[in-house]
Amino acid sequence: MADTILMIHGMWGGAWYWEKFRGVFEAKGYRCAAVTLPYHDADPKGIPDQQLGTTSLLDYARFLEKEIEKLGS
C-alpha cells in the first residue's frame, strides 16, 4: 500500500486548497486525502459560520481522528 498523506487546510480554506499539490503527490505514488474542517465550507468572502467561534482545537482533533480512521491505515 502507498504511503498516505492527509492534507489539512488553514483559515478561509477547504480541501480544494490541495488540488494542485494532490496531483503532484499522487503522480509520485502517494495516496492523498484532503478534508474540509467543520464550518469551513463557506464562501471566503461571505459571513463566517457562527459556530467557528465556539469550535475548539479539540473539536478539530476529534474530527481529524475520525477522518484518519476512515483511511484504514
Protein backbone atom coordinates (compact mmCIF):
# COMPACT_ATOMS: atom_id res chain seq x y z
CA MET A 1 0.00 0.00 0.00
CA ALA A 2 1.21 3.51 -0.82
CA ASP A 3 2.10 5.98 1.88
CA THR A 4 -0.83 8.20 2.72
CA ILE A 5 -0.83 11.98 3.06
CA LEU A 6 -3.69 13.67 4.90
CA MET A 7 -3.94 17.27 3.73
CA ILE A 8 -5.40 19.77 6.18
CA HIS A 9 -6.11 23.38 5.21
CA GLY A 10 -5.89 26.55 7.26
CA MET A 11 -8.21 29.54 7.69
CA TRP A 12 -10.54 30.55 4.86
CA GLY A 13 -9.86 27.31 3.07
CA GLY A 14 -11.06 23.85 2.32
CA ALA A 15 -9.97 20.60 0.72
CA TRP A 16 -9.79 22.46 -2.60
CA TYR A 17 -6.59 24.18 -1.36
CA TRP A 18 -4.74 20.97 -2.09
CA GLU A 19 -5.91 20.20 -5.66
CA LYS A 20 -2.61 21.01 -7.39
CA PHE A 21 -0.43 19.54 -4.64
CA ARG A 22 -2.56 16.41 -4.54
CA GLY A 23 -1.91 15.77 -8.24
CA VAL A 24 1.84 16.11 -7.74
CA PHE A 25 1.94 13.67 -4.84
CA GLU A 26 -0.43 11.15 -6.44
CA ALA A 27 1.76 11.14 -9.56
CA LYS A 28 4.62 10.09 -7.28
CA GLY A 29 2.57 7.18 -5.93
CA TYR A 30 1.19 8.65 -2.72
CA ARG A 31 -2.39 8.11 -1.62
CA CYS A 32 -3.82 11.54 -0.76
CA ALA A 33 -6.86 12.58 1.23
CA ALA A 34 -7.90 16.20 1.70
CA VAL A 35 -10.54 17.23 4.22
CA THR A 36 -12.58 20.35 4.84
CA LEU A 37 -12.72 21.20 8.52
CA PRO A 38 -16.13 21.71 10.13
CA TYR A 39 -17.73 25.10 9.38
CA HIS A 40 -15.09 25.97 6.77
CA ASP A 41 -17.21 25.12 3.74
CA ALA A 42 -18.49 28.66 3.19
CA ASP A 43 -17.59 31.34 0.69
CA PRO A 44 -14.36 33.02 1.91
CA LYS A 45 -15.87 36.41 1.03
CA GLY A 46 -19.09 35.66 2.90
CA ILE A 47 -20.03 35.77 6.55
CA PRO A 48 -18.24 33.07 8.57
CA ASP A 49 -20.31 30.37 10.24
CA GLN A 50 -21.01 31.46 13.83
CA GLN A 51 -20.00 28.02 15.08
CA LEU A 52 -16.38 28.80 14.20
CA GLY A 53 -16.30 30.95 17.33
CA THR A 54 -17.16 28.02 19.58
CA THR A 55 -15.25 25.22 17.84
CA SER A 56 -12.14 24.27 19.80
CA LEU A 57 -8.89 22.68 18.73
CA LEU A 58 -10.10 19.52 20.47
CA ASP A 59 -13.21 19.56 18.26
CA TYR A 60 -10.98 19.70 15.19
CA ALA A 61 -8.74 16.96 16.59
CA ARG A 62 -11.76 14.68 17.09
CA PHE A 63 -12.94 15.40 13.55
CA LEU A 64 -9.49 14.61 12.14
CA GLU A 65 -9.24 11.45 14.21
CA LYS A 66 -12.46 10.18 12.58
CA GLU A 67 -11.16 11.10 9.14
CA ILE A 68 -7.90 9.23 9.80
CA GLU A 69 -9.85 6.16 10.93
CA LYS A 70 -11.70 6.21 7.58
CA LEU A 71 -8.38 5.89 5.77
CA GLY A 72 -7.89 2.41 7.22
CA SER A 73 -4.16 2.78 7.75
